[in-house]
Amino acid sequence: MNTVSAKAETGVAGLDDVLGGGLAPGHVFLMEGSPGTGKTTIALSFLMSGAQLGEKGLYITLSETERELRTGARSHGWELSGAIEVSELVPPESLLDPDSEQSLLYSSDLELGETTKAIFDAFHRVQPSRVVLDSLSEIRLLAQSSLRYRRQILALKHFFATKNVTVLLLDDLTTDTTDKTVHSIAHGVIKLEELAPEYGSERRRLRIMKYRGQAFRGGYHDMVIKNGGVSVFPRLVASEHRVPFARTQRTSGIAELDALVGGGLEQGSSTLVLGPAGTGKSMFCFQFAVAAIERGEKAAMFIFDEELGLLFDRTRSLGMDLESMRDSGLLHIEQVDAAEMSPGEFAHRVRDRVDSSGAKTVVIDSLNGYQSSMPAESALTLHIHELIQFLNRRGATTFLTVAQHGLVGSMKSPVDLTYIADTVILLRYFEALGKVRRAVSVIKKRTGRHEDTIREFKIGASGLILGPPLKEFQGVLQGVPQFIGSGEGGSRSVPEGML
């Protein structure tokens, strides 16, 4: 039998990180979940990972045929050959013949004994370092009682313990889901779940329920099954990703906008842009990203609400050629489908982009789309908080947009994140001289001083154009401003010739 490594890695992207390196060798682990949650795929990956290290693997299947198992492996591009042996255990033919049933001994007693003997025989024949037993539901049915089932699992555990082999027991929870017998016996327990949202694809996640003598990442971790296996997205913990960086001011390239935010935004800070639909929230974020790219820095944009082709055409007409910036490699821009992506996978993509490309300006447009990917609104704040803190600690300047409900007058946000962001920029529509116009103000900035004024702005062929502060008017944020100036002949509305 081959010598096992310090930790038996599962070969599943992200799962070994959650487990603190992998499975402790020489122990029995339980992986449970309803059918379709990914147990077989992870188990096959576990054996494939061992085979790459020269360790023999044995897959003992009681519920699936060898042909089905190999076909499933091929769907991921895997061939189960060489160091991996598949042992298909079926009841002896004599036990399937009703004429051969014993009068003094239940057939289930014979089947359980024959099954156990077949498991041991398969092990002695292969002499593996890693074993997968699929599934415990069949053994539970044969045992018929909780006591016999527990004794059977203990017997299997003690047998494998003497052989110094790492065992992964699979349980599809199709029988008694309240029976926690194996939980107390196993060295560790991995639980897989599948959620069915009202709209969109299924969502899968896992949780480590128990791992004796080993620190692991607690809580739920999103995962996906795709061609090539399972990918797990470890829950983001921002405190683990702090790096030193210089906190310099990041300007927008527009003097009036930089003056409004107090000279610029501090690197490693977050900015939330609030406003009703169509006010130009994306343009304010893009302005800072384009300015960063023009300085030779890299930026990343994650777009939830707009098709990229339309976005490229729209911004090009406003003097921003985002497509060329993307082609140059300085801009990573990605359209996110909230119905097909879990929040854990999205956070992983953002993290990967910042770490791999060194992007120092990140735009998430918008949080309304991000919220659509959340199972519950109460969890959105925690996800956003960790993501923002991660980006801040990596030295990235983050811009987020939220579309508020309403157009003129009082507004309501679908979620309140103003206390999380370092800077909050508020955009508003207001009526003046028979036209709908736009105003911008900064209502919060943690990292320094900012103007407490309100400025009118327009979006023209050259992009954003900001005017001087509206000092002689009040009620702009309510939508219908009033002139309160004392100048002779002053107009009782916002000057038309401001720009």
Protein backbone atom coordinates (compact mmCIF):
# COMPACT_ATOMS: atom_id res chain seq x y z
CA MET A 1 0.00 0.00 0.00
CA ASN A 2 1.32 3.44 -0.94
CA THR A 3 2.33 6.04 1.61
CA VAL A 4 -0.19 8.85 1.95
CA SER A 5 0.72 12.54 1.99
CA ALA A 6 0.44 14.85 5.01
CA LYS A 7 -3.08 15.83 3.93
CA ALA A 8 -5.26 13.96 1.46
CA GLU A 9 -6.20 16.76 -0.92
CA THR A 10 -9.64 16.48 -2.49
CA GLY A 11 -8.60 18.01 -5.80
CA VAL A 12 -11.69 20.26 -5.70
CA ALA A 13 -10.91 23.92 -6.29
CA GLY A 14 -11.65 25.81 -3.07
CA LEU A 15 -12.66 22.79 -0.95
CA ASP A 16 -9.16 22.10 0.31
CA ASP A 17 -8.95 25.74 1.40
CA VAL A 18 -12.22 25.33 3.32
CA LEU A 19 -10.91 22.11 4.91
CA GLY A 20 -7.63 23.66 5.96
CA GLY A 21 -5.57 21.69 3.45
CA GLY A 22 -7.61 18.55 2.82
CA LEU A 23 -8.71 15.41 4.65
CA ALA A 24 -6.61 14.03 7.50
CA PRO A 25 -5.15 10.71 6.23
CA GLY A 26 -6.06 7.48 7.98
CA HIS A 27 -9.54 8.64 9.02
CA VAL A 28 -13.15 8.13 7.96
CA PHE A 29 -15.10 11.13 6.64
CA LEU A 30 -18.77 11.50 5.81
CA MET A 31 -20.12 13.53 2.90
CA GLU A 32 -23.90 13.78 2.87
CA GLY A 33 -26.42 15.48 0.66
CA SER A 34 -29.53 14.88 -1.40
CA PRO A 35 -29.19 13.31 -4.85
CA GLY A 36 -27.74 15.77 -7.35
CA THR A 37 -25.74 17.86 -4.90
CA GLY A 38 -22.34 16.74 -6.24
CA LYS A 39 -21.24 13.94 -3.89
CA THR A 40 -20.13 11.52 -6.61
CA THR A 41 -18.26 14.24 -8.53
CA ILE A 42 -16.32 15.32 -5.43
CA ALA A 43 -15.61 11.69 -4.51
CA LEU A 44 -14.22 10.98 -7.99
CA SER A 45 -12.09 14.11 -7.79
CA PHE A 46 -10.79 12.89 -4.42
CA LEU A 47 -9.63 9.62 -5.99
CA MET A 48 -8.23 11.38 -9.09
CA SER A 49 -6.18 13.68 -6.86
CA GLY A 50 -4.71 10.67 -5.08
CA ALA A 51 -3.94 8.93 -8.36
CA GLN A 52 -1.90 11.95 -9.48
CA LEU A 53 0.22 11.45 -6.35
CA GLY A 54 0.68 7.75 -7.05
CA GLU A 55 -1.89 6.60 -4.48
CA LYS A 56 -4.25 3.76 -5.31
CA GLY A 57 -7.96 4.50 -5.07
CA LEU A 58 -11.00 2.26 -4.69
CA TYR A 59 -14.57 3.32 -5.47
CA ILE A 60 -17.06 0.86 -3.96
CA THR A 61 -20.52 1.46 -5.37
CA LEU A 62 -23.69 -0.12 -4.01
CA SER A 63 -26.21 2.17 -5.69
CA GLU A 64 -24.73 3.00 -9.09
CA THR A 65 -23.43 0.69 -11.77
CA GLU A 66 -19.81 0.81 -12.83
CA ARG A 67 -20.90 1.82 -16.32
CA GLU A 68 -22.92 4.78 -15.00
CA LEU A 69 -19.98 5.82 -12.84
CA ARG A 70 -17.50 5.76 -15.69
CA THR A 71 -19.91 7.59 -17.98
CA GLY A 72 -20.32 10.33 -15.35
CA ALA A 73 -16.55 10.61 -15.04
CA ARG A 74 -16.14 10.96 -18.81
CA SER A 75 -18.61 13.86 -18.81
CA HIS A 76 -15.93 15.77 -16.86
CA GLY A 77 -13.12 14.56 -19.11
CA TRP A 78 -11.89 11.93 -16.62
CA GLU A 79 -10.93 8.32 -17.28
CA LEU A 80 -11.07 5.97 -14.30
CA SER A 81 -8.18 3.69 -15.05
CA GLY A 82 -4.79 2.79 -13.72
CA ALA A 83 -4.60 3.65 -10.03
CA ILE A 84 -8.40 3.86 -9.56
CA GLU A 85 -10.42 0.67 -9.22
CA VAL A 86 -14.23 0.56 -9.37
CA SER A 87 -15.91 -2.24 -7.44
CA GLU A 88 -19.62 -2.70 -8.13
CA LEU A 89 -21.32 -4.63 -5.34
CA VAL A 90 -24.64 -6.28 -6.15
CA PRO A 91 -26.67 -8.71 -4.04
CA PRO A 92 -25.86 -12.37 -4.74
CA GLU A 93 -28.20 -13.85 -7.33
CA SER A 94 -29.38 -16.45 -4.85
CA LEU A 95 -30.73 -13.74 -2.60
CA LEU A 96 -32.78 -12.29 -5.44
CA ASP A 97 -34.59 -15.65 -5.89
CA PRO A 98 -37.69 -15.71 -3.64
CA ASP A 99 -37.51 -19.53 -3.48
CA SER A 100 -34.18 -19.32 -1.70
CA GLU A 101 -35.34 -17.16 1.22
CA GLN A 102 -34.48 -18.65 4.61
CA SER A 103 -37.16 -19.32 7.19
CA LEU A 104 -34.96 -18.76 10.24
CA LEU A 105 -32.84 -15.87 8.94
CA TYR A 106 -34.00 -12.75 7.15
CA SER A 107 -32.52 -12.25 3.68
CA SER A 108 -31.40 -8.78 4.78
CA ASP A 109 -29.10 -10.43 7.35
CA LEU A 110 -27.48 -12.46 4.62
CA GLU A 111 -27.24 -9.46 2.31
CA LEU A 112 -25.62 -7.29 4.98
CA GLY A 113 -23.05 -9.97 5.76
CA GLU A 114 -22.35 -10.60 2.09
CA THR A 115 -22.06 -6.88 1.41
CA THR A 116 -19.62 -6.35 4.27
CA LYS A 117 -17.52 -9.31 3.15
CA ALA A 118 -17.50 -7.99 -0.42
CA ILE A 119 -16.27 -4.59 0.81
CA PHE A 120 -13.41 -6.21 2.72
CA ASP A 121 -12.54 -8.50 -0.20
CA ALA A 122 -12.41 -5.55 -2.61
CA PHE A 123 -10.11 -3.69 -0.24
CA HIS A 124 -7.74 -6.65 0.21
CA ARG A 125 -7.62 -7.14 -3.57
CA VAL A 126 -6.75 -3.52 -4.41
CA GLN A 127 -4.84 -2.42 -1.26
CA PRO A 128 -5.76 1.26 -1.80
CA SER A 129 -4.77 4.39 0.11
CA ARG A 130 -8.09 6.11 -0.59
CA VAL A 131 -11.55 4.54 -0.49
CA VAL A 132 -14.98 5.88 -1.44
CA LEU A 133 -18.07 3.97 -0.27
CA ASP A 134 -21.26 4.93 -2.12
CA SER A 135 -23.69 4.92 -0.45
CA LEU A 136 -24.56 4.41 3.21
CA SER A 137 -28.29 4.43 2.43
CA GLU A 138 -28.00 0.87 1.10
CA ILE A 139 -26.25 -0.31 4.26
CA ARG A 140 -28.82 1.48 6.42
CA LEU A 141 -31.63 -0.35 4.64
CA LEU A 142 -29.92 -3.70 5.05
CA ALA A 143 -29.23 -3.08 8.74
CA GLN A 144 -32.94 -2.36 9.38
CA SER A 145 -32.29 -0.94 12.86
CA SER A 146 -30.26 1.98 14.17
CA LEU A 147 -28.30 -0.28 16.53
CA ARG A 148 -27.20 -2.72 13.79
CA TYR A 149 -26.43 0.18 11.49
CA ARG A 150 -24.19 1.86 14.07
CA ARG A 151 -22.38 -1.39 14.84
CA GLN A 152 -21.83 -1.97 11.13
CA ILE A 153 -20.36 1.51 10.59
CA LEU A 154 -18.13 1.08 13.66
CA ALA A 155 -16.90 -2.23 12.27
CA LEU A 156 -16.05 -0.56 8.95
CA LYS A 157 -14.31 2.30 10.75
CA HIS A 158 -12.14 0.01 12.88
CA PHE A 159 -11.27 -2.12 9.86
CA PHE A 160 -10.10 0.86 7.82
CA ALA A 161 -8.32 2.40 10.84
CA THR A 162 -6.04 -0.62 11.07
CA LYS A 163 -5.14 -0.20 7.40
CA ASN A 164 -4.24 3.52 7.64
CA VAL A 165 -6.54 4.41 4.74
CA THR A 166 -8.50 7.62 4.10
CA VAL A 167 -12.17 6.81 3.61
CA LEU A 168 -14.96 9.00 2.22
CA LEU A 169 -18.44 7.68 3.02
CA LEU A 170 -21.27 9.04 0.88
CA ASP A 171 -24.85 9.31 2.15
CA ASP A 172 -27.63 10.44 -0.20
CA LEU A 173 -30.12 10.95 2.68
CA THR A 174 -32.84 9.00 0.87
CA THR A 175 -33.76 6.97 3.95
CA ASP A 176 -33.77 8.17 7.55
CA THR A 177 -32.40 11.71 7.38
CA THR A 178 -32.74 12.17 11.16
CA ASP A 179 -30.27 9.37 11.92
CA LYS A 180 -27.02 11.05 12.96
CA THR A 181 -25.23 7.81 13.76
CA VAL A 182 -22.36 8.36 11.34
CA HIS A 183 -21.92 11.99 12.47
CA SER A 184 -20.62 10.85 15.86
CA ILE A 185 -18.42 8.15 14.33
CA ALA A 186 -16.87 10.05 11.42
CA HIS A 187 -13.75 12.17 11.85
CA GLY A 188 -15.32 14.93 9.76
CA VAL A 189 -18.67 15.68 8.16
CA ILE A 190 -19.26 17.63 4.92
CA LYS A 191 -22.85 18.57 4.12
CA LEU A 192 -23.90 19.49 0.57
CA GLU A 193 -27.12 21.36 -0.21
CA GLU A 194 -29.04 22.36 -3.31
CA LEU A 195 -31.39 25.36 -3.29
CA ALA A 196 -34.07 26.06 -5.89
CA PRO A 197 -34.75 29.81 -6.25
CA GLU A 198 -38.04 30.98 -7.69
CA TYR A 199 -36.19 32.03 -10.85
CA GLY A 200 -32.80 31.12 -12.25
CA SER A 201 -30.57 28.08 -12.03
CA GLU A 202 -30.17 25.94 -8.95
CA ARG A 203 -27.78 27.10 -6.23
CA ARG A 204 -25.45 24.70 -4.46
CA ARG A 205 -23.51 25.20 -1.27
CA LEU A 206 -21.60 23.19 1.33
CA ARG A 207 -20.76 23.41 5.00
CA ILE A 208 -18.23 21.63 7.17
CA MET A 209 -20.29 20.44 10.11
CA LYS A 210 -17.46 18.74 11.97
CA TYR A 211 -13.71 18.19 11.69
CA ARG A 212 -11.93 16.78 14.74
CA GLY A 213 -8.64 18.45 15.67
CA GLN A 214 -8.60 20.72 12.63
CA ALA A 215 -9.45 24.38 12.10
CA PHE A 216 -11.66 24.95 9.06
CA ARG A 217 -13.68 27.71 7.43
CA GLY A 218 -17.10 27.66 9.01
CA GLY A 219 -20.38 28.72 7.51
CA TYR A 220 -21.81 28.10 4.06
CA HIS A 221 -19.69 28.20 0.91
CA ASP A 222 -21.23 28.48 -2.55
CA MET A 223 -20.25 25.88 -5.14
CA VAL A 224 -21.03 24.92 -8.74
CA ILE A 225 -20.85 21.72 -10.77
CA LYS A 226 -19.55 22.32 -14.26
CA ASN A 227 -17.63 20.52 -16.97
CA GLY A 228 -14.38 19.52 -15.30
CA GLY A 229 -15.73 18.97 -11.80
CA VAL A 230 -16.86 20.95 -8.79
CA SER A 231 -15.65 24.43 -7.86
CA VAL A 232 -16.11 25.69 -4.31
CA PHE A 233 -15.97 29.40 -3.53
CA PRO A 234 -14.73 29.82 0.06
CA ARG A 235 -16.57 32.45 2.04
CA LEU A 236 -14.63 35.70 1.81
CA VAL A 237 -12.97 36.82 5.05
CA ALA A 238 -11.62 40.32 4.45
CA SER A 239 -9.32 40.37 7.49
CA GLU A 240 -7.10 37.72 5.88
CA HIS A 241 -6.21 39.86 2.86
CA ARG A 242 -4.63 43.05 4.15
CA VAL A 243 -1.62 44.35 2.16
CA PRO A 244 0.38 47.57 2.70
CA PHE A 245 -0.16 50.39 0.18
CA ALA A 246 0.16 54.17 -0.04
CA ARG A 247 -3.12 56.06 0.44
CA THR A 248 -2.92 58.61 -2.33
CA GLN A 249 -5.71 60.76 -3.77
CA ARG A 250 -7.39 59.39 -6.90
CA THR A 251 -8.78 62.15 -9.10
CA SER A 252 -11.48 62.04 -11.79
CA GLY A 253 -9.90 64.37 -14.34
CA ILE A 254 -12.79 66.87 -13.95
CA ALA A 255 -11.79 69.83 -11.79
CA GLU A 256 -15.32 70.60 -10.57
CA LEU A 257 -15.98 66.96 -9.60
CA ASP A 258 -12.65 66.71 -7.80
CA ALA A 259 -13.45 69.93 -5.92
CA LEU A 260 -16.85 68.54 -4.95
CA VAL A 261 -15.28 65.43 -3.38
CA GLY A 262 -12.58 67.44 -1.61
CA GLY A 263 -9.72 67.09 -4.06
CA GLY A 264 -10.19 63.42 -4.92
CA LEU A 265 -10.99 60.04 -3.41
CA GLU A 266 -8.53 58.18 -1.24
CA GLN A 267 -7.06 54.96 -2.61
CA GLY A 268 -8.39 51.94 -0.76
CA SER A 269 -11.76 53.58 -0.05
CA SER A 270 -15.29 52.83 -1.25
CA THR A 271 -17.76 55.19 -2.90
CA LEU A 272 -21.50 54.64 -3.18
CA VAL A 273 -23.35 56.56 -5.91
CA LEU A 274 -27.09 56.89 -5.18
CA GLY A 275 -29.82 58.19 -7.42
CA PRO A 276 -32.92 57.33 -9.45
CA ALA A 277 -32.70 55.58 -12.81
CA GLY A 278 -31.10 57.63 -15.59
CA THR A 279 -29.37 60.26 -13.46
CA GLY A 280 -25.90 59.15 -14.55
CA LYS A 281 -24.67 56.99 -11.69
CA SER A 282 -22.66 54.75 -14.01
CA MET A 283 -21.06 57.77 -15.70
CA PHE A 284 -19.67 59.08 -12.41
CA CYS A 285 -18.11 55.67 -11.68
CA PHE A 286 -16.79 55.30 -15.23
CA GLN A 287 -15.23 58.76 -15.05
CA PHE A 288 -12.98 57.74 -12.16
CA ALA A 289 -12.17 54.38 -13.82
CA VAL A 290 -11.24 56.03 -17.14
CA ALA A 291 -9.07 58.57 -15.33
CA ALA A 292 -7.24 55.70 -13.60
CA ILE A 293 -6.69 53.93 -16.94
CA GLU A 294 -5.37 57.15 -18.49
CA ARG A 295 -2.82 57.25 -15.66
CA GLY A 296 -1.67 53.78 -16.78
CA GLU A 297 -3.44 51.86 -14.02
CA LYS A 298 -5.75 48.87 -14.41
CA ALA A 299 -9.47 48.84 -13.67
CA ALA A 300 -12.22 46.23 -13.47
CA MET A 301 -15.94 46.70 -14.10
CA PHE A 302 -18.71 44.24 -13.24
CA ILE A 303 -21.92 45.17 -15.01
CA PHE A 304 -25.23 43.66 -13.85
CA ASP A 305 -27.79 45.82 -15.62
CA GLU A 306 -26.61 46.58 -19.17
CA GLU A 307 -25.60 44.57 -22.21
CA LEU A 308 -21.94 45.21 -23.01
CA GLY A 309 -22.44 46.00 -26.71
CA LEU A 310 -24.97 48.69 -25.84
CA LEU A 311 -22.72 49.99 -23.07
CA PHE A 312 -19.75 50.31 -25.44
CA ASP A 313 -21.82 52.21 -28.00
CA ARG A 314 -23.35 54.51 -25.39
CA THR A 315 -20.10 55.42 -23.66
CA ARG A 316 -18.25 55.86 -26.97
CA SER A 317 -20.72 58.59 -27.92
CA LEU A 318 -19.87 60.28 -24.62
CA GLY A 319 -16.11 60.29 -25.21
CA MET A 320 -15.25 57.05 -23.38
CA ASP A 321 -13.97 54.19 -25.55
CA LEU A 322 -14.30 51.37 -23.04
CA GLU A 323 -13.98 48.72 -25.73
CA SER A 324 -10.52 49.95 -26.77
CA MET A 325 -9.48 50.11 -23.12
CA ARG A 326 -10.60 46.50 -22.71
CA ASP A 327 -8.68 45.42 -25.81
CA SER A 328 -5.54 47.14 -24.51
CA GLY A 329 -5.63 44.97 -21.37
CA LEU A 330 -5.98 47.87 -18.96
CA LEU A 331 -9.71 47.32 -18.42
CA HIS A 332 -11.45 44.12 -17.45
CA ILE A 333 -15.17 44.45 -18.06
CA GLU A 334 -17.59 41.63 -17.45
CA GLN A 335 -21.33 41.26 -17.72
CA VAL A 336 -22.81 39.41 -14.75
CA ASP A 337 -25.99 37.36 -14.97
CA ALA A 338 -27.47 37.52 -11.48
CA ALA A 339 -29.88 34.68 -12.23
CA GLU A 340 -27.02 32.28 -13.02
CA MET A 341 -24.39 33.26 -10.47
CA SER A 342 -24.32 32.90 -6.71
CA PRO A 343 -22.99 35.76 -4.56
CA GLY A 344 -20.08 33.57 -3.46
CA GLU A 345 -19.01 32.99 -7.05
CA PHE A 346 -19.29 36.70 -7.81
CA ALA A 347 -17.12 37.64 -4.84
CA HIS A 348 -14.60 35.02 -5.99
CA ARG A 349 -14.50 36.55 -9.49
CA VAL A 350 -13.90 40.04 -8.11
CA ARG A 351 -11.18 38.75 -5.80
CA ASP A 352 -9.50 36.79 -8.60
CA ARG A 353 -9.53 39.79 -10.93
CA VAL A 354 -8.02 42.12 -8.36
CA ASP A 355 -5.35 39.61 -7.34
CA SER A 356 -4.42 38.40 -10.83
CA SER A 357 -4.47 41.67 -12.77
CA GLY A 358 -3.66 44.14 -10.05
CA ALA A 359 -6.74 46.26 -10.78
CA LYS A 360 -6.82 49.23 -8.41
CA THR A 361 -10.20 50.64 -9.47
CA VAL A 362 -13.28 48.41 -9.24
CA VAL A 363 -16.78 49.34 -10.40
CA ILE A 364 -19.87 47.27 -9.45
CA ASP A 365 -22.91 48.49 -11.37
CA SER A 366 -25.32 47.99 -9.73
CA LEU A 367 -26.11 46.65 -6.28
CA ASN A 368 -29.72 46.27 -7.38
CA GLY A 369 -28.55 43.52 -9.73
CA TYR A 370 -26.30 42.07 -7.04
CA GLN A 371 -29.26 41.95 -4.69
CA SER A 372 -31.14 39.82 -7.21
CA SER A 373 -28.54 37.07 -6.76
CA MET A 374 -29.01 36.98 -2.99
CA PRO A 375 -31.24 34.39 -1.32
CA ALA A 376 -32.40 37.00 1.18
CA GLU A 377 -31.98 40.77 1.48
CA SER A 378 -30.68 40.49 5.05
CA ALA A 379 -27.57 38.68 3.77
CA LEU A 380 -26.73 41.30 1.15
CA THR A 381 -25.26 43.74 3.65
CA LEU A 382 -22.88 41.11 5.05
CA HIS A 383 -21.71 40.03 1.58
CA ILE A 384 -21.16 43.62 0.45
CA HIS A 385 -19.41 44.52 3.70
CA GLU A 386 -16.87 41.71 3.34
CA LEU A 387 -16.34 42.41 -0.37
CA ILE A 388 -15.80 46.14 0.19
CA GLN A 389 -13.47 45.51 3.13
CA PHE A 390 -11.48 43.04 1.04
CA LEU A 391 -11.09 45.52 -1.81
CA ASN A 392 -10.18 48.33 0.59
CA ARG A 393 -7.48 46.20 2.23
CA ARG A 394 -6.04 45.29 -1.17
CA GLY A 395 -5.68 48.98 -2.01
CA ALA A 396 -8.48 49.07 -4.58
CA THR A 397 -10.75 52.11 -4.91
CA THR A 398 -14.28 50.74 -5.20
CA PHE A 399 -17.35 52.34 -6.78
CA LEU A 400 -20.84 50.96 -6.32
CA THR A 401 -24.17 52.20 -7.64
CA VAL A 402 -27.68 51.83 -6.21
CA ALA A 403 -30.78 52.81 -8.16
CA GLN A 404 -33.35 54.40 -5.84
CA HIS A 405 -37.10 54.10 -6.26
CA GLY A 406 -38.80 57.23 -7.55
CA LEU A 407 -37.78 60.05 -9.90
CA VAL A 408 -38.38 63.45 -8.28
CA GLY A 409 -38.78 64.29 -4.63
CA SER A 410 -38.35 61.75 -1.84
CA MET A 411 -36.46 58.60 -2.74
CA LYS A 412 -36.22 55.15 -1.26
CA SER A 413 -33.30 52.72 -1.61
CA PRO A 414 -33.91 48.96 -1.86
CA VAL A 415 -31.09 48.46 0.63
CA ASP A 416 -29.26 50.94 2.86
CA LEU A 417 -25.49 50.70 2.50
CA THR A 418 -24.63 54.34 3.14
CA TYR A 419 -23.09 53.50 6.52
CA ILE A 420 -20.71 50.99 4.92
CA ALA A 421 -19.33 53.19 2.13
CA ASP A 422 -16.57 55.72 2.88
CA THR A 423 -18.01 58.27 0.45
CA VAL A 424 -21.62 58.73 -0.66
CA ILE A 425 -22.47 60.74 -3.79
CA LEU A 426 -26.13 61.66 -4.23
CA LEU A 427 -27.66 62.38 -7.65
CA ARG A 428 -31.09 63.99 -8.11
CA TYR A 429 -33.50 65.19 -10.77
CA PHE A 430 -35.01 68.63 -10.34
CA GLU A 431 -37.37 70.81 -12.37
CA ALA A 432 -36.32 74.27 -13.58
CA LEU A 433 -37.40 76.47 -16.48
CA GLY A 434 -39.69 73.76 -17.76
CA LYS A 435 -36.89 71.19 -18.00
CA VAL A 436 -35.80 68.18 -15.98
CA ARG A 437 -32.24 68.77 -14.85
CA ARG A 438 -29.69 66.91 -12.72
CA ALA A 439 -27.89 67.82 -9.49
CA VAL A 440 -25.06 66.16 -7.59
CA SER A 441 -23.88 66.49 -4.00
CA VAL A 442 -21.61 64.64 -1.59
CA ILE A 443 -23.37 63.74 1.64
CA LYS A 444 -20.58 61.79 3.31
CA LYS A 445 -16.82 61.36 3.15
CA ARG A 446 -14.93 59.60 5.92
CA THR A 447 -11.44 60.24 4.59
CA GLY A 448 -11.42 64.04 4.48
CA ARG A 449 -13.31 67.24 3.77
CA HIS A 450 -15.73 67.71 0.89
CA GLU A 451 -17.97 70.44 -0.46
CA ASP A 452 -21.34 70.75 1.23
CA THR A 453 -22.77 72.37 -1.89
CA ILE A 454 -25.06 71.12 -4.65
CA ARG A 455 -23.88 71.38 -8.25
CA GLU A 456 -25.87 71.00 -11.44
CA PHE A 457 -24.37 68.67 -14.02
CA LYS A 458 -25.04 67.58 -17.57
CA ILE A 459 -23.97 64.59 -19.65
CA GLY A 460 -22.83 65.74 -23.08
CA ALA A 461 -20.75 64.57 -26.01
CA SER A 462 -17.58 65.05 -23.97
CA GLY A 463 -18.92 63.26 -20.90
CA LEU A 464 -19.72 64.80 -17.54
CA ILE A 465 -19.88 68.60 -17.22
CA LEU A 466 -20.33 70.08 -13.75
CA GLY A 467 -21.35 73.68 -13.06
CA PRO A 468 -20.63 75.97 -10.11
CA PRO A 469 -22.38 75.44 -6.75
CA LEU A 470 -26.08 76.40 -6.67
CA LYS A 471 -25.71 78.87 -3.79
CA GLU A 472 -28.85 80.96 -4.32
CA PHE A 473 -31.38 78.14 -4.49
CA GLN A 474 -32.99 75.81 -2.01
CA GLY A 475 -35.16 72.75 -2.45
CA VAL A 476 -33.06 71.31 -5.28
CA LEU A 477 -33.01 67.86 -3.67
CA GLN A 478 -36.79 67.98 -3.27
CA GLY A 479 -37.13 68.45 -7.02
CA VAL A 480 -38.54 72.00 -7.28
CA PRO A 481 -35.93 74.61 -6.26
CA GLN A 482 -36.75 78.16 -5.08
CA PHE A 483 -34.62 81.23 -5.64
CA ILE A 484 -33.51 82.82 -2.36
CA GLY A 485 -30.78 85.10 -3.72
CA SER A 486 -30.78 88.85 -3.15
CA GLY A 487 -29.17 89.91 -6.43
CA GLU A 488 -31.05 92.64 -8.34
CA GLY A 489 -33.03 91.20 -11.21
CA GLY A 490 -32.20 87.68 -10.04
CA SER A 491 -34.15 84.92 -11.73
CA ARG A 492 -36.39 82.75 -9.58
CA SER A 493 -35.04 79.59 -11.18
CA VAL A 494 -31.73 77.96 -11.95
CA PRO A 495 -29.87 79.95 -14.63
CA GLU A 496 -30.30 78.36 -18.07
CA GLY A 497 -26.91 79.58 -19.25
CA MET A 498 -24.98 77.86 -16.51
CA LEU A 499 -23.04 75.65 -18.95
